[in-house]
Amino acid sequence: MSDSTVKKVSSKTAPKGEMGQTYLVSGKRVSMRLWQNEKPQTDVSNRRDYETVGYVMNGRAELVIEGQTIKLEPGDSWLVPAHAEHSYRILEPFTAVEATAPPAQVHGRDEAKA
């Protein structure tokens, strides 16, 4: 039988990640986070053991993935495959929703900060 537990996480009390993203909810197979009006900044290049998909609501950013630069604007979505070298550069206040599979927080990866 599958787990039918309903989870609700308030963005007011949800933990924050390294770049300021809010961890909205995390299940066994997927987690979701919110980037809300993030200020311009550059992330360090990294590789993750999980896939990431996202959707831009406001602002602009650049995603550098395996040496290719992808410009992200409102209405754009993106995919970062597992193990791909990538970094983000937020160019103007940025709001986006991002999901990871399996969850980013598995085994302490991308540990959220309270």
PDB file of N, CA and C in Angstrom:
ATOM      1  N   MET A   1       0.841  -1.180   0.000  1.00  0.00           N
ATOM      2  CA  MET A   1       0.000   0.000   0.000  1.00  0.00           C
ATOM      3  C   MET A   1       0.880   1.234   0.000  1.00  0.00           C
ATOM      4  N   SER A   2       0.518   2.214  -0.778  1.00  0.00           N
ATOM      5  CA  SER A   2       1.326   3.425  -0.860  1.00  0.00           C
ATOM      6  C   SER A   2       1.038   4.356   0.317  1.00  0.00           C
ATOM      7  N   ASP A   3       2.015   5.207   0.612  1.00  0.00           N
ATOM      8  CA  ASP A   3       1.879   6.195   1.683  1.00  0.00           C
ATOM      9  C   ASP A   3       0.920   7.282   1.228  1.00  0.00           C
ATOM     10  N   SER A   4      -0.138   7.505   1.981  1.00  0.00           N
ATOM     11  CA  SER A   4      -1.126   8.521   1.610  1.00  0.00           C
ATOM     12  C   SER A   4      -1.070   9.734   2.536  1.00  0.00           C
ATOM     13  N   THR A   5       0.057   9.896   3.231  1.00  0.00           N
ATOM     14  CA  THR A   5       0.219  11.025   4.133  1.00  0.00           C
ATOM     15  C   THR A   5       0.206  12.332   3.345  1.00  0.00           C
ATOM     16  N   VAL A   6      -0.610  13.263   3.776  1.00  0.00           N
ATOM     17  CA  VAL A   6      -0.671  14.571   3.142  1.00  0.00           C
ATOM     18  C   VAL A   6       0.324  15.479   3.844  1.00  0.00           C
ATOM     19  N   LYS A   7       1.153  16.179   3.062  1.00  0.00           N
ATOM     20  CA  LYS A   7       2.151  17.073   3.642  1.00  0.00           C
ATOM     21  C   LYS A   7       1.873  18.490   3.200  1.00  0.00           C
ATOM     22  N   LYS A   8       1.922  19.406   4.150  1.00  0.00           N
ATOM     23  CA  LYS A   8       1.802  20.825   3.842  1.00  0.00           C
ATOM     24  C   LYS A   8       2.953  21.530   4.531  1.00  0.00           C
ATOM     25  N   VAL A   9       3.638  22.398   3.773  1.00  0.00           N
ATOM     26  CA  VAL A   9       4.742  23.171   4.338  1.00  0.00           C
ATOM     27  C   VAL A   9       4.456  24.631   4.042  1.00  0.00           C
ATOM     28  N   SER A  10       4.451  25.451   5.068  1.00  0.00           N
ATOM     29  CA  SER A  10       4.243  26.881   4.894  1.00  0.00           C
ATOM     30  C   SER A  10       5.553  27.529   4.488  1.00  0.00           C
ATOM     31  N   SER A  11       5.514  28.390   3.470  1.00  0.00           N
ATOM     32  CA  SER A  11       6.741  29.068   3.047  1.00  0.00           C
ATOM     33  C   SER A  11       7.281  29.986   4.136  1.00  0.00           C
ATOM     34  N   LYS A  12       6.447  30.327   5.107  1.00  0.00           N
ATOM     35  CA  LYS A  12       6.889  31.194   6.214  1.00  0.00           C
ATOM     36  C   LYS A  12       7.787  30.459   7.196  1.00  0.00           C
ATOM     37  N   THR A  13       7.597  29.141   7.323  1.00  0.00           N
ATOM     38  CA  THR A  13       8.362  28.378   8.305  1.00  0.00           C
ATOM     39  C   THR A  13       9.297  27.352   7.672  1.00  0.00           C
ATOM     40  N   ALA A  14       9.302  27.251   6.351  1.00  0.00           N
ATOM     41  CA  ALA A  14      10.130  26.264   5.659  1.00  0.00           C
ATOM     42  C   ALA A  14      11.612  26.609   5.794  1.00  0.00           C
ATOM     43  N   PRO A  15      12.475  25.587   5.857  1.00  0.00           N
ATOM     44  CA  PRO A  15      13.914  25.836   5.956  1.00  0.00           C
ATOM     45  C   PRO A  15      14.477  26.443   4.678  1.00  0.00           C
ATOM     46  N   LYS A  16      15.625  27.126   4.810  1.00  0.00           N
ATOM     47  CA  LYS A  16      16.292  27.800   3.689  1.00  0.00           C
ATOM     48  C   LYS A  16      17.532  27.030   3.273  1.00  0.00           C
ATOM     49  N   GLY A  17      17.853  27.098   1.964  1.00  0.00           N
ATOM     50  CA  GLY A  17      19.047  26.466   1.428  1.00  0.00           C
ATOM     51  C   GLY A  17      20.202  27.448   1.331  1.00  0.00           C
ATOM     52  N   GLU A  18      21.317  26.984   0.802  1.00  0.00           N
ATOM     53  CA  GLU A  18      22.550  27.773   0.730  1.00  0.00           C
ATOM     54  C   GLU A  18      22.411  29.080  -0.031  1.00  0.00           C
ATOM     55  N   MET A  19      21.643  29.088  -1.122  1.00  0.00           N
ATOM     56  CA  MET A  19      21.508  30.304  -1.922  1.00  0.00           C
ATOM     57  C   MET A  19      20.224  31.052  -1.591  1.00  0.00           C
ATOM     58  N   GLY A  20      19.545  30.667  -0.503  1.00  0.00           N
ATOM     59  CA  GLY A  20      18.348  31.376  -0.090  1.00  0.00           C
ATOM     60  C   GLY A  20      17.051  30.725  -0.507  1.00  0.00           C
ATOM     61  N   GLN A  21      17.107  29.634  -1.273  1.00  0.00           N
ATOM     62  CA  GLN A  21      15.892  28.980  -1.704  1.00  0.00           C
ATOM     63  C   GLN A  21      15.140  28.382  -0.515  1.00  0.00           C
ATOM     64  N   THR A  22      13.822  28.333  -0.612  1.00  0.00           N
ATOM     65  CA  THR A  22      12.970  27.784   0.437  1.00  0.00           C
ATOM     66  C   THR A  22      12.607  26.354   0.073  1.00  0.00           C
ATOM     67  N   TYR A  23      12.839  25.410   0.990  1.00  0.00           N
ATOM     68  CA  TYR A  23      12.455  24.023   0.770  1.00  0.00           C
ATOM     69  C   TYR A  23      10.977  23.887   1.074  1.00  0.00           C
ATOM     70  N   LEU A  24      10.159  23.690   0.027  1.00  0.00           N
ATOM     71  CA  LEU A  24       8.716  23.662   0.195  1.00  0.00           C
ATOM     72  C   LEU A  24       8.222  22.328   0.731  1.00  0.00           C
ATOM     73  N   VAL A  25       8.598  21.244   0.098  1.00  0.00           N
ATOM     74  CA  VAL A  25       8.153  19.918   0.546  1.00  0.00           C
ATOM     75  C   VAL A  25       9.108  18.883  -0.028  1.00  0.00           C
ATOM     76  N   SER A  26       9.227  17.771   0.658  1.00  0.00           N
ATOM     77  CA  SER A  26      10.092  16.697   0.201  1.00  0.00           C
ATOM     78  C   SER A  26       9.417  15.370   0.487  1.00  0.00           C
ATOM     79  N   GLY A  27       9.387  14.513  -0.523  1.00  0.00           N
ATOM     80  CA  GLY A  27       8.825  13.179  -0.371  1.00  0.00           C
ATOM     81  C   GLY A  27       9.905  12.144  -0.590  1.00  0.00           C
ATOM     82  N   LYS A  28       9.502  10.906  -0.801  1.00  0.00           N
ATOM     83  CA  LYS A  28      10.462   9.830  -1.026  1.00  0.00           C
ATOM     84  C   LYS A  28      11.097   9.906  -2.406  1.00  0.00           C
ATOM     85  N   ARG A  29      10.367  10.464  -3.396  1.00  0.00           N
ATOM     86  CA  ARG A  29      10.859  10.457  -4.770  1.00  0.00           C
ATOM     87  C   ARG A  29      11.166  11.831  -5.335  1.00  0.00           C
ATOM     88  N   VAL A  30      10.699  12.890  -4.707  1.00  0.00           N
ATOM     89  CA  VAL A  30      10.887  14.231  -5.265  1.00  0.00           C
ATOM     90  C   VAL A  30      10.872  15.270  -4.152  1.00  0.00           C
ATOM     91  N   SER A  31      11.576  16.376  -4.365  1.00  0.00           N
ATOM     92  CA  SER A  31      11.480  17.517  -3.450  1.00  0.00           C
ATOM     93  C   SER A  31      11.268  18.765  -4.292  1.00  0.00           C
ATOM     94  N   MET A  32      10.714  19.792  -3.666  1.00  0.00           N
ATOM     95  CA  MET A  32      10.422  21.028  -4.370  1.00  0.00           C
ATOM     96  C   MET A  32      10.932  22.198  -3.542  1.00  0.00           C
ATOM     97  N   ARG A  33      11.506  23.199  -4.233  1.00  0.00           N
ATOM     98  CA  ARG A  33      11.983  24.388  -3.545  1.00  0.00           C
ATOM     99  C   ARG A  33      11.586  25.628  -4.328  1.00  0.00           C
ATOM    100  N   LEU A  34      11.558  26.732  -3.619  1.00  0.00           N
ATOM    101  CA  LEU A  34      11.154  28.008  -4.192  1.00  0.00           C
ATOM    102  C   LEU A  34      12.290  28.996  -4.076  1.00  0.00           C
ATOM    103  N   TRP A  35      12.607  29.646  -5.173  1.00  0.00           N
ATOM    104  CA  TRP A  35      13.526  30.775  -5.190  1.00  0.00           C
ATOM    105  C   TRP A  35      12.619  31.995  -5.275  1.00  0.00           C
ATOM    106  N   GLN A  36      12.580  32.830  -4.258  1.00  0.00           N
ATOM    107  CA  GLN A  36      11.650  33.951  -4.234  1.00  0.00           C
ATOM    108  C   GLN A  36      12.402  35.266  -4.113  1.00  0.00           C
ATOM    109  N   ASN A  37      12.374  36.065  -5.196  1.00  0.00           N
ATOM    110  CA  ASN A  37      13.057  37.361  -5.241  1.00  0.00           C
ATOM    111  C   ASN A  37      14.513  37.265  -4.792  1.00  0.00           C
ATOM    112  N   GLU A  38      15.208  36.226  -5.273  1.00  0.00           N
ATOM    113  CA  GLU A  38      16.624  36.061  -4.925  1.00  0.00           C
ATOM    114  C   GLU A  38      17.430  37.174  -5.565  1.00  0.00           C
ATOM    115  N   LYS A  39      18.334  37.747  -4.805  1.00  0.00           N
ATOM    116  CA  LYS A  39      19.169  38.853  -5.278  1.00  0.00           C
ATOM    117  C   LYS A  39      20.244  38.328  -6.230  1.00  0.00           C
ATOM    118  N   PRO A  40      20.762  39.194  -7.103  1.00  0.00           N
ATOM    119  CA  PRO A  40      21.837  38.778  -8.005  1.00  0.00           C
ATOM    120  C   PRO A  40      23.000  38.153  -7.225  1.00  0.00           C
ATOM    121  N   GLN A  41      23.462  37.025  -7.726  1.00  0.00           N
ATOM    122  CA  GLN A  41      24.560  36.281  -7.114  1.00  0.00           C
ATOM    123  C   GLN A  41      25.006  35.195  -8.076  1.00  0.00           C
ATOM    124  N   THR A  42      26.157  34.617  -7.800  1.00  0.00           N
ATOM    125  CA  THR A  42      26.682  33.524  -8.607  1.00  0.00           C
ATOM    126  C   THR A  42      26.933  32.331  -7.700  1.00  0.00           C
ATOM    127  N   ASP A  43      26.472  31.171  -8.130  1.00  0.00           N
ATOM    128  CA  ASP A  43      26.668  29.918  -7.417  1.00  0.00           C
ATOM    129  C   ASP A  43      27.987  29.304  -7.868  1.00  0.00           C
ATOM    130  N   VAL A  44      28.622  28.522  -7.013  1.00  0.00           N
ATOM    131  CA  VAL A  44      29.820  27.803  -7.415  1.00  0.00           C
ATOM    132  C   VAL A  44      29.408  26.616  -8.284  1.00  0.00           C
ATOM    133  N   SER A  45      30.278  26.224  -9.184  1.00  0.00           N
ATOM    134  CA  SER A  45      30.007  25.091 -10.060  1.00  0.00           C
ATOM    135  C   SER A  45      29.962  23.806  -9.239  1.00  0.00           C
ATOM    136  N   ASN A  46      28.995  22.935  -9.538  1.00  0.00           N
ATOM    137  CA  ASN A  46      28.890  21.685  -8.814  1.00  0.00           C
ATOM    138  C   ASN A  46      28.245  20.607  -9.675  1.00  0.00           C
ATOM    139  N   ARG A  47      28.258  19.393  -9.166  1.00  0.00           N
ATOM    140  CA  ARG A  47      27.581  18.246  -9.773  1.00  0.00           C
ATOM    141  C   ARG A  47      26.720  17.632  -8.683  1.00  0.00           C
ATOM    142  N   ARG A  48      25.533  17.223  -9.041  1.00  0.00           N
ATOM    143  CA  ARG A  48      24.619  16.620  -8.071  1.00  0.00           C
ATOM    144  C   ARG A  48      24.244  15.210  -8.520  1.00  0.00           C
ATOM    145  N   ASP A  49      23.852  14.378  -7.577  1.00  0.00           N
ATOM    146  CA  ASP A  49      23.461  12.998  -7.860  1.00  0.00           C
ATOM    147  C   ASP A  49      22.012  12.888  -8.312  1.00  0.00           C
ATOM    148  N   TYR A  50      21.360  14.010  -8.522  1.00  0.00           N
ATOM    149  CA  TYR A  50      19.935  13.992  -8.838  1.00  0.00           C
ATOM    150  C   TYR A  50      19.615  14.938  -9.981  1.00  0.00           C
ATOM    151  N   GLU A  51      18.478  14.713 -10.649  1.00  0.00           N
ATOM    152  CA  GLU A  51      17.999  15.609 -11.697  1.00  0.00           C
ATOM    153  C   GLU A  51      17.300  16.807 -11.075  1.00  0.00           C
ATOM    154  N   THR A  52      17.378  17.940 -11.756  1.00  0.00           N
ATOM    155  CA  THR A  52      16.684  19.148 -11.324  1.00  0.00           C
ATOM    156  C   THR A  52      15.910  19.711 -12.504  1.00  0.00           C
ATOM    157  N   VAL A  53      14.632  20.039 -12.266  1.00  0.00           N
ATOM    158  CA  VAL A  53      13.829  20.748 -13.259  1.00  0.00           C
ATOM    159  C   VAL A  53      13.322  22.020 -12.602  1.00  0.00           C
ATOM    160  N   GLY A  54      13.141  23.071 -13.401  1.00  0.00           N
ATOM    161  CA  GLY A  54      12.679  24.327 -12.830  1.00  0.00           C
ATOM    162  C   GLY A  54      11.843  25.123 -13.804  1.00  0.00           C
ATOM    163  N   TYR A  55      11.148  26.112 -13.260  1.00  0.00           N
ATOM    164  CA  TYR A  55      10.303  27.006 -14.046  1.00  0.00           C
ATOM    165  C   TYR A  55      10.462  28.420 -13.502  1.00  0.00           C
ATOM    166  N   VAL A  56      10.760  29.390 -14.392  1.00  0.00           N
ATOM    167  CA  VAL A  56      10.986  30.784 -14.006  1.00  0.00           C
ATOM    168  C   VAL A  56       9.666  31.546 -14.016  1.00  0.00           C
ATOM    169  N   MET A  57       9.377  32.219 -12.895  1.00  0.00           N
ATOM    170  CA  MET A  57       8.181  33.056 -12.803  1.00  0.00           C
ATOM    171  C   MET A  57       8.522  34.530 -13.018  1.00  0.00           C
ATOM    172  N   ASN A  58       9.636  34.985 -12.446  1.00  0.00           N
ATOM    173  CA  ASN A  58      10.081  36.386 -12.574  1.00  0.00           C
ATOM    174  C   ASN A  58      11.595  36.443 -12.573  1.00  0.00           C
ATOM    175  N   GLY A  59      12.115  37.514 -13.179  1.00  0.00           N
ATOM    176  CA  GLY A  59      13.552  37.756 -13.143  1.00  0.00           C
ATOM    177  C   GLY A  59      14.294  37.044 -14.261  1.00  0.00           C
ATOM    178  N   ARG A  60      15.626  37.174 -14.195  1.00  0.00           N
ATOM    179  CA  ARG A  60      16.493  36.569 -15.192  1.00  0.00           C
ATOM    180  C   ARG A  60      17.693  35.940 -14.510  1.00  0.00           C
ATOM    181  N   ALA A  61      18.153  34.840 -15.093  1.00  0.00           N
ATOM    182  CA  ALA A  61      19.344  34.160 -14.594  1.00  0.00           C
ATOM    183  C   ALA A  61      20.030  33.473 -15.764  1.00  0.00           C
ATOM    184  N   GLU A  62      21.229  33.018 -15.515  1.00  0.00           N
ATOM    185  CA  GLU A  62      21.944  32.190 -16.481  1.00  0.00           C
ATOM    186  C   GLU A  62      22.276  30.872 -15.805  1.00  0.00           C
ATOM    187  N   LEU A  63      22.080  29.799 -16.527  1.00  0.00           N
ATOM    188  CA  LEU A  63      22.461  28.468 -16.088  1.00  0.00           C
ATOM    189  C   LEU A  63      23.613  28.035 -16.976  1.00  0.00           C
ATOM    190  N   VAL A  64      24.761  27.782 -16.377  1.00  0.00           N
ATOM    191  CA  VAL A  64      25.908  27.268 -17.122  1.00  0.00           C
ATOM    192  C   VAL A  64      25.959  25.775 -16.844  1.00  0.00           C
ATOM    193  N   ILE A  65      25.749  24.991 -17.900  1.00  0.00           N
ATOM    194  CA  ILE A  65      25.691  23.543 -17.742  1.00  0.00           C
ATOM    195  C   ILE A  65      26.619  22.880 -18.750  1.00  0.00           C
ATOM    196  N   GLU A  66      27.608  22.148 -18.230  1.00  0.00           N
ATOM    197  CA  GLU A  66      28.608  21.479 -19.069  1.00  0.00           C
ATOM    198  C   GLU A  66      29.208  22.452 -20.089  1.00  0.00           C
ATOM    199  N   GLY A  67      29.498  23.694 -19.650  1.00  0.00           N
ATOM    200  CA  GLY A  67      30.156  24.682 -20.488  1.00  0.00           C
ATOM    201  C   GLY A  67      29.237  25.481 -21.402  1.00  0.00           C
ATOM    202  N   GLN A  68      27.949  25.179 -21.424  1.00  0.00           N
ATOM    203  CA  GLN A  68      26.986  25.918 -22.245  1.00  0.00           C
ATOM    204  C   GLN A  68      26.178  26.850 -21.358  1.00  0.00           C
ATOM    205  N   THR A  69      25.967  28.089 -21.816  1.00  0.00           N
ATOM    206  CA  THR A  69      25.193  29.058 -21.040  1.00  0.00           C
ATOM    207  C   THR A  69      23.774  29.127 -21.585  1.00  0.00           C
ATOM    208  N   ILE A  70      22.814  28.954 -20.698  1.00  0.00           N
ATOM    209  CA  ILE A  70      21.395  29.016 -21.041  1.00  0.00           C
ATOM    210  C   ILE A  70      20.805  30.199 -20.294  1.00  0.00           C
ATOM    211  N   LYS A  71      20.189  31.127 -21.018  1.00  0.00           N
ATOM    212  CA  LYS A  71      19.540  32.279 -20.389  1.00  0.00           C
ATOM    213  C   LYS A  71      18.142  31.875 -19.949  1.00  0.00           C
ATOM    214  N   LEU A  72      17.806  32.182 -18.706  1.00  0.00           N
ATOM    215  CA  LEU A  72      16.502  31.848 -18.142  1.00  0.00           C
ATOM    216  C   LEU A  72      15.703  33.114 -17.900  1.00  0.00           C
ATOM    217  N   GLU A  73      14.492  33.177 -18.447  1.00  0.00           N
ATOM    218  CA  GLU A  73      13.597  34.325 -18.308  1.00  0.00           C
ATOM    219  C   GLU A  73      12.212  33.824 -17.951  1.00  0.00           C
ATOM    220  N   PRO A  74      11.298  34.719 -17.529  1.00  0.00           N
ATOM    221  CA  PRO A  74       9.949  34.286 -17.158  1.00  0.00           C
ATOM    222  C   PRO A  74       9.308  33.419 -18.248  1.00  0.00           C
ATOM    223  N   GLY A  75       8.733  32.305 -17.820  1.00  0.00           N
ATOM    224  CA  GLY A  75       8.100  31.365 -18.733  1.00  0.00           C
ATOM    225  C   GLY A  75       9.015  30.253 -19.201  1.00  0.00           C
ATOM    226  N   ASP A  76      10.332  30.382 -18.964  1.00  0.00           N
ATOM    227  CA  ASP A  76      11.284  29.336 -19.352  1.00  0.00           C
ATOM    228  C   ASP A  76      11.315  28.239 -18.297  1.00  0.00           C
ATOM    229  N   SER A  77      11.634  27.038 -18.743  1.00  0.00           N
ATOM    230  CA  SER A  77      11.882  25.938 -17.815  1.00  0.00           C
ATOM    231  C   SER A  77      13.233  25.321 -18.165  1.00  0.00           C
ATOM    232  N   TRP A  78      13.788  24.540 -17.239  1.00  0.00           N
ATOM    233  CA  TRP A  78      15.105  23.954 -17.476  1.00  0.00           C
ATOM    234  C   TRP A  78      15.200  22.578 -16.851  1.00  0.00           C
ATOM    235  N   LEU A  79      16.197  21.822 -17.309  1.00  0.00           N
ATOM    236  CA  LEU A  79      16.516  20.506 -16.775  1.00  0.00           C
ATOM    237  C   LEU A  79      18.023  20.419 -16.617  1.00  0.00           C
ATOM    238  N   VAL A  80      18.472  20.023 -15.441  1.00  0.00           N
ATOM    239  CA  VAL A  80      19.878  19.710 -15.206  1.00  0.00           C
ATOM    240  C   VAL A  80      19.936  18.214 -14.939  1.00  0.00           C
ATOM    241  N   PRO A  81      20.526  17.427 -15.849  1.00  0.00           N
ATOM    242  CA  PRO A  81      20.616  15.985 -15.632  1.00  0.00           C
ATOM    243  C   PRO A  81      21.499  15.663 -14.424  1.00  0.00           C
ATOM    244  N   ALA A  82      21.277  14.517 -13.839  1.00  0.00           N
ATOM    245  CA  ALA A  82      22.123  14.053 -12.739  1.00  0.00           C
ATOM    246  C   ALA A  82      23.575  14.032 -13.211  1.00  0.00           C
ATOM    247  N   HIS A  83      24.480  14.442 -12.351  1.00  0.00           N
ATOM    248  CA  HIS A  83      25.938  14.417 -12.563  1.00  0.00           C
ATOM    249  C   HIS A  83      26.458  15.467 -13.553  1.00  0.00           C
ATOM    250  N   ALA A  84      25.604  16.346 -14.074  1.00  0.00           N
ATOM    251  CA  ALA A  84      26.066  17.386 -15.001  1.00  0.00           C
ATOM    252  C   ALA A  84      26.695  18.536 -14.215  1.00  0.00           C
ATOM    253  N   GLU A  85      27.854  18.992 -14.645  1.00  0.00           N
ATOM    254  CA  GLU A  85      28.478  20.146 -13.997  1.00  0.00           C
ATOM    255  C   GLU A  85      27.666  21.388 -14.354  1.00  0.00           C
ATOM    256  N   HIS A  86      27.317  22.175 -13.331  1.00  0.00           N
ATOM    257  CA  HIS A  86      26.470  23.344 -13.578  1.00  0.00           C
ATOM    258  C   HIS A  86      26.621  24.391 -12.482  1.00  0.00           C
ATOM    259  N   SER A  87      26.203  25.622 -12.813  1.00  0.00           N
ATOM    260  CA  SER A  87      26.133  26.710 -11.841  1.00  0.00           C
ATOM    261  C   SER A  87      25.066  27.682 -12.311  1.00  0.00           C
ATOM    262  N   TYR A  88      24.567  28.490 -11.377  1.00  0.00           N
ATOM    263  CA  TYR A  88      23.556  29.501 -11.679  1.00  0.00           C
ATOM    264  C   TYR A  88      24.149  30.888 -11.433  1.00  0.00           C
ATOM    265  N   ARG A  89      23.751  31.831 -12.249  1.00  0.00           N
ATOM    266  CA  ARG A  89      24.109  33.233 -12.036  1.00  0.00           C
ATOM    267  C   ARG A  89      22.805  34.015 -12.107  1.00  0.00           C
ATOM    268  N   ILE A  90      22.368  34.531 -10.972  1.00  0.00           N
ATOM    269  CA  ILE A  90      21.133  35.303 -10.926  1.00  0.00           C
ATOM    270  C   ILE A  90      21.467  36.728 -11.331  1.00  0.00           C
ATOM    271  N   LEU A  91      20.801  37.215 -12.382  1.00  0.00           N
ATOM    272  CA  LEU A  91      21.109  38.525 -12.959  1.00  0.00           C
ATOM    273  C   LEU A  91      20.240  39.638 -12.396  1.00  0.00           C
ATOM    274  N   GLU A  92      19.017  39.325 -12.012  1.00  0.00           N
ATOM    275  CA  GLU A  92      18.100  40.302 -11.414  1.00  0.00           C
ATOM    276  C   GLU A  92      17.173  39.525 -10.495  1.00  0.00           C
ATOM    277  N   PRO A  93      16.487  40.201  -9.560  1.00  0.00           N
ATOM    278  CA  PRO A  93      15.651  39.465  -8.613  1.00  0.00           C
ATOM    279  C   PRO A  93      14.877  38.339  -9.312  1.00  0.00           C
ATOM    280  N   PHE A  94      15.042  37.132  -8.785  1.00  0.00           N
ATOM    281  CA  PHE A  94      14.663  35.900  -9.473  1.00  0.00           C
ATOM    282  C   PHE A  94      13.687  35.095  -8.632  1.00  0.00           C
ATOM    283  N   THR A  95      12.562  34.706  -9.260  1.00  0.00           N
ATOM    284  CA  THR A  95      11.589  33.835  -8.604  1.00  0.00           C
ATOM    285  C   THR A  95      11.352  32.635  -9.505  1.00  0.00           C
ATOM    286  N   ALA A  96      11.554  31.442  -8.968  1.00  0.00           N
ATOM    287  CA  ALA A  96      11.389  30.206  -9.735  1.00  0.00           C
ATOM    288  C   ALA A  96      11.026  29.071  -8.790  1.00  0.00           C
ATOM    289  N   VAL A  97      10.406  28.045  -9.333  1.00  0.00           N
ATOM    290  CA  VAL A  97      10.129  26.816  -8.601  1.00  0.00           C
ATOM    291  C   VAL A  97      11.022  25.742  -9.195  1.00  0.00           C
ATOM    292  N   GLU A  98      11.593  24.912  -8.330  1.00  0.00           N
ATOM    293  CA  GLU A  98      12.531  23.886  -8.756  1.00  0.00           C
ATOM    294  C   GLU A  98      12.157  22.575  -8.084  1.00  0.00           C
ATOM    295  N   ALA A  99      12.263  21.471  -8.807  1.00  0.00           N
ATOM    296  CA  ALA A  99      12.008  20.147  -8.238  1.00  0.00           C
ATOM    297  C   ALA A  99      13.200  19.254  -8.536  1.00  0.00           C
ATOM    298  N   THR A 100      13.492  18.350  -7.608  1.00  0.00           N
ATOM    299  CA  THR A 100      14.603  17.426  -7.770  1.00  0.00           C
ATOM    300  C   THR A 100      14.107  15.996  -7.564  1.00  0.00           C
ATOM    301  N   ALA A 101      14.698  15.064  -8.317  1.00  0.00           N
ATOM    302  CA  ALA A 101      14.349  13.661  -8.174  1.00  0.00           C
ATOM    303  C   ALA A 101      15.611  12.829  -8.336  1.00  0.00           C
ATOM    304  N   PRO A 102      15.944  11.971  -7.356  1.00  0.00           N
ATOM    305  CA  PRO A 102      15.291  11.869  -6.053  1.00  0.00           C
ATOM    306  C   PRO A 102      15.495  13.143  -5.241  1.00  0.00           C
ATOM    307  N   PRO A 103      14.839  13.251  -4.091  1.00  0.00           N
ATOM    308  CA  PRO A 103      14.901  14.483  -3.301  1.00  0.00           C
ATOM    309  C   PRO A 103      16.327  14.955  -3.040  1.00  0.00           C
ATOM    310  N   ALA A 104      16.536  16.260  -3.144  1.00  0.00           N
ATOM    311  CA  ALA A 104      17.852  16.855  -2.932  1.00  0.00           C
ATOM    312  C   ALA A 104      18.373  16.600  -1.531  1.00  0.00           C
ATOM    313  N   GLN A 105      17.488  16.422  -0.576  1.00  0.00           N
ATOM    314  CA  GLN A 105      17.920  16.300   0.816  1.00  0.00           C
ATOM    315  C   GLN A 105      18.254  14.867   1.236  1.00  0.00           C
ATOM    316  N   VAL A 106      18.182  13.913   0.286  1.00  0.00           N
ATOM    317  CA  VAL A 106      18.526  12.533   0.592  1.00  0.00           C
ATOM    318  C   VAL A 106      19.992  12.468   1.024  1.00  0.00           C
ATOM    319  N   HIS A 107      20.266  11.763   2.082  1.00  0.00           N
ATOM    320  CA  HIS A 107      21.631  11.578   2.596  1.00  0.00           C
ATOM    321  C   HIS A 107      22.333  12.893   2.917  1.00  0.00           C
ATOM    322  N   GLY A 108      21.565  13.938   3.284  1.00  0.00           N
ATOM    323  CA  GLY A 108      22.164  15.188   3.712  1.00  0.00           C
ATOM    324  C   GLY A 108      22.645  16.077   2.579  1.00  0.00           C
ATOM    325  N   ARG A 109      22.374  15.738   1.318  1.00  0.00           N
ATOM    326  CA  ARG A 109      22.779  16.588   0.203  1.00  0.00           C
ATOM    327  C   ARG A 109      21.932  17.851   0.239  1.00  0.00           C
ATOM    328  N   ASP A 110      22.530  18.971  -0.099  1.00  0.00           N
ATOM    329  CA  ASP A 110      21.830  20.254  -0.095  1.00  0.00           C
ATOM    330  C   ASP A 110      21.106  20.465   1.220  1.00  0.00           C
ATOM    331  N   GLU A 111      21.760  20.153   2.312  1.00  0.00           N
ATOM    332  CA  GLU A 111      21.164  20.325   3.634  1.00  0.00           C
ATOM    333  C   GLU A 111      20.535  21.699   3.754  1.00  0.00           C
ATOM    334  N   ALA A 112      19.294  21.739   4.116  1.00  0.00           N
ATOM    335  CA  ALA A 112      18.602  23.018   4.322  1.00  0.00           C
ATOM    336  C   ALA A 112      19.046  23.634   5.635  1.00  0.00           C
ATOM    337  N   LYS A 113      19.116  24.956   5.675  1.00  0.00           N
ATOM    338  CA  LYS A 113      19.486  25.672   6.896  1.00  0.00           C
ATOM    339  C   LYS A 113      18.220  26.195   7.556  1.00  0.00           C
ATOM    340  N   ALA A 114      18.085  25.941   8.836  1.00  0.00           N
ATOM    341  CA  ALA A 114      16.884  26.393   9.558  1.00  0.00           C
ATOM    342  C   ALA A 114      16.900  27.894   9.763  1.00  0.00           C
TER     343      ALA A 114
END
